[in-house]
Amino acid sequence: MIGTMLELSTYVFFATCVVIFIYFTWSVYNEYLRTKILKKRSKKLAELEELIQINQVASKLEKKIEKRAKGIS
């Protein structure tokens, strides 16, 4: 009886360890994916911000060109 109880508690202990290991691995992998996605998003955001700045400079230049064209005519 005692032998079977020890075997059962050993199995429960190892099963608990396996569940904890799987949960830990899953958590680390999810964090890795989240970090990877955030890096991609930040890279895209930086590119978009750069394009917005270029667009703003271009619109300012267009306004200056229009003013000069009006002044020449």
Protein backbone atom coordinates (compact mmCIF):
# COMPACT_ATOMS: atom_id res chain seq x y z
CA MET A 1 0.00 0.00 0.00
CA ILE A 2 2.74 2.42 0.98
CA GLY A 3 4.73 1.50 -2.13
CA THR A 4 1.83 2.29 -4.43
CA MET A 5 1.19 5.58 -2.64
CA LEU A 6 4.84 6.54 -3.12
CA GLU A 7 4.66 5.60 -6.79
CA LEU A 8 1.46 7.60 -7.20
CA SER A 9 2.91 10.67 -5.47
CA THR A 10 6.03 10.37 -7.63
CA TYR A 11 3.88 10.30 -10.78
CA VAL A 12 1.88 13.28 -9.56
CA PHE A 13 5.09 15.16 -8.81
CA PHE A 14 6.55 14.47 -12.25
CA ALA A 15 3.26 15.30 -13.96
CA THR A 16 3.19 18.60 -12.08
CA CYS A 17 6.78 19.30 -13.14
CA VAL A 18 5.87 18.59 -16.77
CA VAL A 19 2.86 20.91 -16.61
CA ILE A 20 4.98 23.67 -15.05
CA PHE A 21 7.68 23.18 -17.70
CA ILE A 22 5.13 23.32 -20.54
CA TYR A 23 3.54 26.46 -19.08
CA PHE A 24 6.95 28.12 -18.64
CA THR A 25 8.01 27.22 -22.20
CA TRP A 26 4.71 28.50 -23.58
CA SER A 27 5.10 31.79 -21.66
CA VAL A 28 8.65 32.33 -22.91
CA TYR A 29 7.64 31.55 -26.50
CA ASN A 30 4.68 33.95 -26.32
CA GLU A 31 6.96 36.67 -24.98
CA TYR A 32 9.40 35.99 -27.82
CA LEU A 33 6.62 36.30 -30.41
CA ARG A 34 5.30 39.47 -28.77
CA THR A 35 8.76 41.04 -28.84
CA LYS A 36 9.26 40.02 -32.47
CA ILE A 37 5.92 41.56 -33.48
CA LEU A 38 6.62 44.75 -31.53
CA LYS A 39 10.00 45.12 -33.26
CA LYS A 40 8.35 44.76 -36.68
CA ARG A 41 5.67 47.30 -35.75
CA SER A 42 8.19 49.80 -34.42
CA LYS A 43 10.24 49.46 -37.61
CA LYS A 44 7.15 50.10 -39.75
CA LEU A 45 6.17 53.02 -37.53
CA ALA A 46 9.62 54.57 -37.94
CA GLU A 47 9.33 54.21 -41.71
CA LEU A 48 5.88 55.83 -41.66
CA GLU A 49 7.11 58.70 -39.51
CA GLU A 50 9.97 59.26 -41.96
CA LEU A 51 7.51 59.30 -44.87
CA ILE A 52 5.29 61.78 -43.03
CA GLN A 53 8.25 64.08 -42.44
CA ILE A 54 9.24 63.86 -46.11
CA ASN A 55 5.65 64.61 -47.12
CA GLN A 56 5.56 67.66 -44.82
CA VAL A 57 8.80 69.00 -46.27
CA ALA A 58 7.50 68.40 -49.80
CA SER A 59 4.26 70.26 -49.09
CA LYS A 60 6.21 73.21 -47.64
CA LEU A 61 8.39 73.29 -50.76
CA GLU A 62 5.29 73.16 -52.97
CA LYS A 63 3.84 76.15 -51.13
CA LYS A 64 7.08 78.10 -51.57
CA ILE A 65 7.17 77.22 -55.27
CA GLU A 66 3.56 78.35 -55.68
CA LYS A 67 4.31 81.66 -53.94
CA ARG A 68 7.32 82.24 -56.18
CA ALA A 69 5.31 81.32 -59.28
CA LYS A 70 2.61 83.82 -58.29
CA GLY A 71 5.25 86.47 -57.72
CA ILE A 72 6.84 85.91 -61.13
CA SER A 73 3.55 86.02 -63.08
